[in-house]
Protein backbone atom coordinates (compact mmCIF):
# COMPACT_ATOMS: atom_id res chain seq x y z
CA MET A 1 100.63 131.42 134.85
CA GLY A 2 100.04 132.46 138.43
CA LYS A 3 101.56 131.36 141.68
CA GLN A 4 99.89 131.44 145.09
CA ARG A 5 100.83 130.28 148.58
CA VAL A 6 98.09 128.97 150.84
CA LYS A 7 97.60 127.14 154.09
CA PHE A 8 95.07 124.31 154.29
CA THR A 9 93.81 123.30 157.75
CA PHE A 10 92.21 119.87 158.05
CA VAL A 11 90.09 118.64 160.97
CA ASP A 12 88.38 115.37 161.85
CA ASP A 13 87.93 112.96 158.91
CA LEU A 14 89.25 115.50 156.40
CA VAL A 15 92.78 114.65 157.59
CA LYS A 16 92.39 111.26 155.93
CA GLN A 17 90.97 112.55 152.62
CA PRO A 18 93.24 112.99 149.55
CA VAL A 19 92.25 116.63 149.03
CA ILE A 20 95.62 117.81 147.69
CA PHE A 21 95.84 114.88 145.28
CA GLU A 22 92.32 115.58 144.02
CA LEU A 23 93.06 119.32 143.67
CA GLY A 24 95.93 118.51 141.30
CA HIS A 25 93.81 116.10 139.26
CA LYS A 26 90.49 117.95 139.08
CA PHE A 27 92.13 121.28 138.19
CA LYS A 28 95.14 122.29 136.10
CA ILE A 29 97.17 123.19 139.19
CA VAL A 30 100.63 122.02 140.21
CA THR A 31 100.83 121.60 143.99
CA ASN A 32 104.12 121.90 145.89
CA ILE A 33 104.02 121.11 149.61
CA ARG A 34 106.35 123.50 151.45
CA ARG A 35 105.58 122.57 155.07
CA ALA A 36 103.13 120.33 156.87
CA GLU A 37 102.13 118.92 160.21
CA VAL A 38 99.52 116.20 160.22
CA GLY A 39 98.20 114.24 163.18
CA GLY A 40 95.35 111.82 163.70
CA GLU A 41 92.61 114.44 163.98
CA VAL A 42 94.11 117.76 162.92
CA GLY A 43 96.62 118.84 160.30
CA TRP A 44 97.85 121.78 158.27
CA VAL A 45 99.72 122.02 155.01
CA ILE A 46 101.39 125.03 153.41
CA LEU A 47 101.29 124.77 149.63
CA GLU A 48 102.59 126.67 146.66
CA LEU A 49 100.12 126.46 143.78
CA ASP A 50 101.07 127.06 140.14
CA GLY A 51 98.50 127.51 137.39
CA GLU A 52 96.27 130.02 135.68
CA ASP A 53 94.83 132.50 138.19
CA GLU A 54 91.22 131.57 137.39
CA GLU A 55 91.99 127.84 137.70
CA ILE A 56 93.64 128.39 141.09
CA LYS A 57 90.61 130.39 142.22
CA ARG A 58 88.22 127.61 141.12
CA GLY A 59 90.40 124.99 142.79
CA LEU A 60 90.53 126.86 146.09
CA GLU A 61 86.76 127.33 146.04
CA TRP A 62 86.41 123.57 145.59
CA VAL A 63 88.82 122.89 148.49
CA GLY A 64 86.84 125.25 150.74
CA ALA A 65 83.62 123.47 149.77
CA THR A 66 85.09 120.18 151.06
CA GLY A 67 85.31 121.73 154.55
CA VAL A 68 89.05 122.35 154.53
CA ARG A 69 89.95 125.84 155.78
CA VAL A 70 91.91 127.82 153.16
CA ASP A 71 94.06 130.79 154.19
CA PRO A 72 96.17 132.82 151.71
CA LEU A 73 99.82 133.40 152.61
CA GLY A 74 102.37 135.91 151.38
CA GLY A 75 106.16 135.90 151.22
CA ASP A 76 108.53 132.96 151.12
CA VAL A 77 107.32 130.21 153.43
CA ILE A 78 110.75 128.61 153.78
CA ASP A 79 112.57 131.88 154.51
CA GLY A 80 109.94 133.02 157.01
């Protein structure tokens, strides 16, 4: 099992799409939202993803293909 922290940035209509929900259902990945700020037209979410490394990679490729920007993060998001 692998663990990865990422930041998703949503713009326009993507803010209203259930991308995180679909990520957890289409792939064997457990999603844990650590921080988020979502408005009407723009939003970002910091997630901790748990799953097999290859499954996380496939899931993140799918998220990127939806138009959501995916940025890897390091360290503990809560601690800074």
